[in-house]
Amino acid sequence: MDLKKNETLRKDDLFDSSSLMNPLSFNTPGLLFPAISLLMLAYTNRFLGLASLSRQLIGKFQENQNPDLLPQIRNLRFRLSLIRHTQSSGILSLLACTSCLTSLAFDLQGIAWSLFGTALFFLVISLCICLLEIHLSVQALDIEMHALYKPNSK
């Protein structure tokens, strides 16, 4: 009877993970802070570059109504929304990481592990969306190159 009692997961085990996994130290989630901060800086730089390029292309389109610019503008608009999502996921990762450290301060290991996993999850989501945006940037270059060669094919 005691064996069965020890094998079942108690409700308290969700908040005390010592029976489930090793304790989480402050160092482990602390390692995510510089990584997330650098990613956020890179995302912001990409956003500023794309926003500037968008303004230039919109200005060119308003001047001469070149239809070749419309696919580029659409691509940039979508890429800007992707960067917004990467930034949002990065911020959620940072918030989960901060909450994880707060949980560790109150010695809530189970919650800390859950929040650390959440922080990693949002970091991976952010990186996957960034990968998609990088692939779209190559498509944008293809659109520009296609527009370059278009007059020569006539």
Protein backbone atom coordinates (compact mmCIF):
# COMPACT_ATOMS: atom_id res chain seq x y z
CA MET A 1 0.00 0.00 0.00
CA ASP A 2 2.83 2.42 0.80
CA LEU A 3 4.47 1.53 -2.51
CA LYS A 4 1.40 2.59 -4.47
CA LYS A 5 1.17 5.84 -2.52
CA ASN A 6 4.78 6.71 -3.35
CA GLU A 7 4.37 5.89 -7.05
CA THR A 8 1.43 8.17 -7.70
CA LEU A 9 2.05 11.80 -8.50
CA ARG A 10 0.69 14.01 -5.79
CA LYS A 11 -0.72 17.45 -6.36
CA ASP A 12 2.09 18.95 -4.28
CA ASP A 13 4.67 17.44 -6.65
CA LEU A 14 3.71 20.02 -9.27
CA PHE A 15 5.12 22.73 -7.03
CA ASP A 16 7.97 20.68 -5.59
CA SER A 17 9.80 19.09 -8.48
CA SER A 18 12.58 17.61 -6.35
CA SER A 19 11.00 14.20 -6.88
CA LEU A 20 10.73 14.74 -10.65
CA MET A 21 13.96 16.41 -11.79
CA ASN A 22 17.10 18.16 -10.63
CA PRO A 23 16.73 21.56 -9.02
CA LEU A 24 17.00 24.52 -11.36
CA SER A 25 19.66 27.07 -10.40
CA PHE A 26 19.66 30.79 -11.06
CA ASN A 27 22.48 30.33 -13.59
CA THR A 28 20.48 28.29 -16.09
CA PRO A 29 17.70 30.80 -16.87
CA GLY A 30 20.22 33.59 -16.37
CA LEU A 31 22.07 32.34 -19.44
CA LEU A 32 19.06 33.18 -21.61
CA PHE A 33 19.11 36.90 -20.80
CA PRO A 34 22.12 37.87 -22.96
CA ALA A 35 20.97 35.61 -25.80
CA ILE A 36 17.46 37.06 -25.82
CA SER A 37 18.80 40.61 -25.52
CA LEU A 38 21.11 40.18 -28.50
CA LEU A 39 18.31 38.64 -30.56
CA MET A 40 16.01 41.53 -29.69
CA LEU A 41 18.70 43.97 -30.82
CA ALA A 42 19.10 42.09 -34.11
CA TYR A 43 15.32 42.01 -34.63
CA THR A 44 15.07 45.74 -33.96
CA ASN A 45 17.87 46.48 -36.43
CA ARG A 46 16.15 44.37 -39.10
CA PHE A 47 12.86 46.14 -38.40
CA LEU A 48 14.43 49.59 -38.72
CA GLY A 49 16.17 48.63 -41.96
CA LEU A 50 12.99 47.22 -43.48
CA ALA A 51 10.91 50.19 -42.33
CA SER A 52 13.37 52.57 -44.01
CA LEU A 53 13.38 50.52 -47.21
CA SER A 54 9.57 50.40 -47.18
CA ARG A 55 9.36 54.18 -46.93
CA GLN A 56 11.77 54.54 -49.87
CA LEU A 57 9.86 52.09 -52.06
CA ILE A 58 6.51 53.67 -51.22
CA GLY A 59 7.96 57.08 -52.14
CA LYS A 60 9.25 55.71 -55.45
CA PHE A 61 5.90 54.10 -56.18
CA GLN A 62 4.03 57.32 -55.47
CA GLU A 63 6.35 59.19 -57.86
CA ASN A 64 6.23 56.93 -60.91
CA GLN A 65 3.55 54.26 -60.24
CA ASN A 66 5.95 51.45 -61.27
CA PRO A 67 3.98 48.17 -60.90
CA ASP A 68 7.22 46.25 -60.34
CA LEU A 69 7.46 47.89 -56.91
CA LEU A 70 4.16 46.48 -55.64
CA PRO A 71 5.41 42.88 -55.08
CA GLN A 72 8.41 44.29 -53.20
CA ILE A 73 6.18 46.48 -51.03
CA ARG A 74 3.88 43.52 -50.26
CA ASN A 75 6.89 41.37 -49.39
CA LEU A 76 8.25 44.07 -47.08
CA ARG A 77 4.90 44.51 -45.37
CA PHE A 78 4.69 40.78 -44.65
CA ARG A 79 8.30 40.67 -43.47
CA LEU A 80 7.66 43.60 -41.12
CA SER A 81 4.74 41.72 -39.59
CA LEU A 82 6.97 38.65 -39.17
CA ILE A 83 9.58 40.74 -37.39
CA ARG A 84 6.84 42.10 -35.12
CA HIS A 85 5.97 38.49 -34.24
CA THR A 86 9.64 37.61 -33.62
CA GLN A 87 9.91 40.57 -31.28
CA SER A 88 6.69 39.59 -29.49
CA SER A 89 7.91 36.01 -29.03
CA GLY A 90 11.27 37.29 -27.80
CA ILE A 91 9.58 39.55 -25.26
CA LEU A 92 7.37 36.69 -24.05
CA SER A 93 10.50 34.57 -23.69
CA LEU A 94 12.15 37.31 -21.64
CA LEU A 95 9.06 37.67 -19.43
CA ALA A 96 8.91 33.90 -18.85
CA CYS A 97 12.61 33.87 -18.02
CA THR A 98 12.17 36.72 -15.54
CA SER A 99 9.19 34.94 -13.98
CA CYS A 100 11.29 31.78 -13.77
CA LEU A 101 13.94 33.63 -11.77
CA THR A 102 11.24 35.06 -9.51
CA SER A 103 9.90 31.53 -8.93
CA LEU A 104 13.39 30.37 -8.05
CA ALA A 105 13.69 33.20 -5.53
CA PHE A 106 10.59 31.82 -3.80
CA ASP A 107 11.89 28.24 -4.14
CA LEU A 108 9.04 27.12 -6.41
CA GLN A 109 11.02 24.61 -8.45
CA GLY A 110 8.10 23.10 -10.39
CA ILE A 111 6.82 26.47 -11.50
CA ALA A 112 10.37 27.60 -12.29
CA TRP A 113 10.92 24.57 -14.54
CA SER A 114 7.61 25.23 -16.31
CA LEU A 115 8.47 28.88 -16.86
CA PHE A 116 11.96 27.99 -18.06
CA GLY A 117 10.42 25.58 -20.58
CA THR A 118 8.01 28.31 -21.64
CA ALA A 119 10.91 30.73 -22.11
CA LEU A 120 12.71 28.20 -24.29
CA PHE A 121 9.53 27.53 -26.25
CA PHE A 122 9.00 31.21 -27.08
CA LEU A 123 12.69 31.58 -27.93
CA VAL A 124 12.46 28.70 -30.42
CA ILE A 125 9.25 30.16 -31.91
CA SER A 126 11.01 33.50 -32.30
CA LEU A 127 13.96 31.87 -34.06
CA CYS A 128 11.70 29.88 -36.40
CA ILE A 129 9.81 33.00 -37.43
CA CYS A 130 13.14 34.76 -37.96
CA LEU A 131 14.24 31.91 -40.23
CA LEU A 132 11.08 32.35 -42.30
CA GLU A 133 11.75 36.09 -42.56
CA ILE A 134 15.30 35.42 -43.76
CA HIS A 135 13.96 33.16 -46.51
CA LEU A 136 11.54 35.91 -47.53
CA SER A 137 14.39 38.40 -47.71
CA VAL A 138 16.01 36.17 -50.34
CA GLN A 139 12.71 36.17 -52.25
CA ALA A 140 12.75 39.97 -52.10
CA LEU A 141 16.18 39.95 -53.72
CA ASP A 142 14.85 37.62 -56.41
CA ILE A 143 12.03 40.10 -57.12
CA GLU A 144 14.58 42.90 -57.52
CA MET A 145 16.76 40.80 -59.82
CA HIS A 146 13.73 39.82 -61.88
CA ALA A 147 12.85 43.50 -62.27
CA LEU A 148 16.44 44.18 -63.34
CA TYR A 149 16.38 41.62 -66.14
CA LYS A 150 12.81 42.33 -67.25
CA PRO A 151 13.65 45.24 -69.62
CA ASN A 152 16.40 43.18 -71.29
CA SER A 153 14.00 40.38 -72.20
CA LYS A 154 11.84 42.68 -74.40
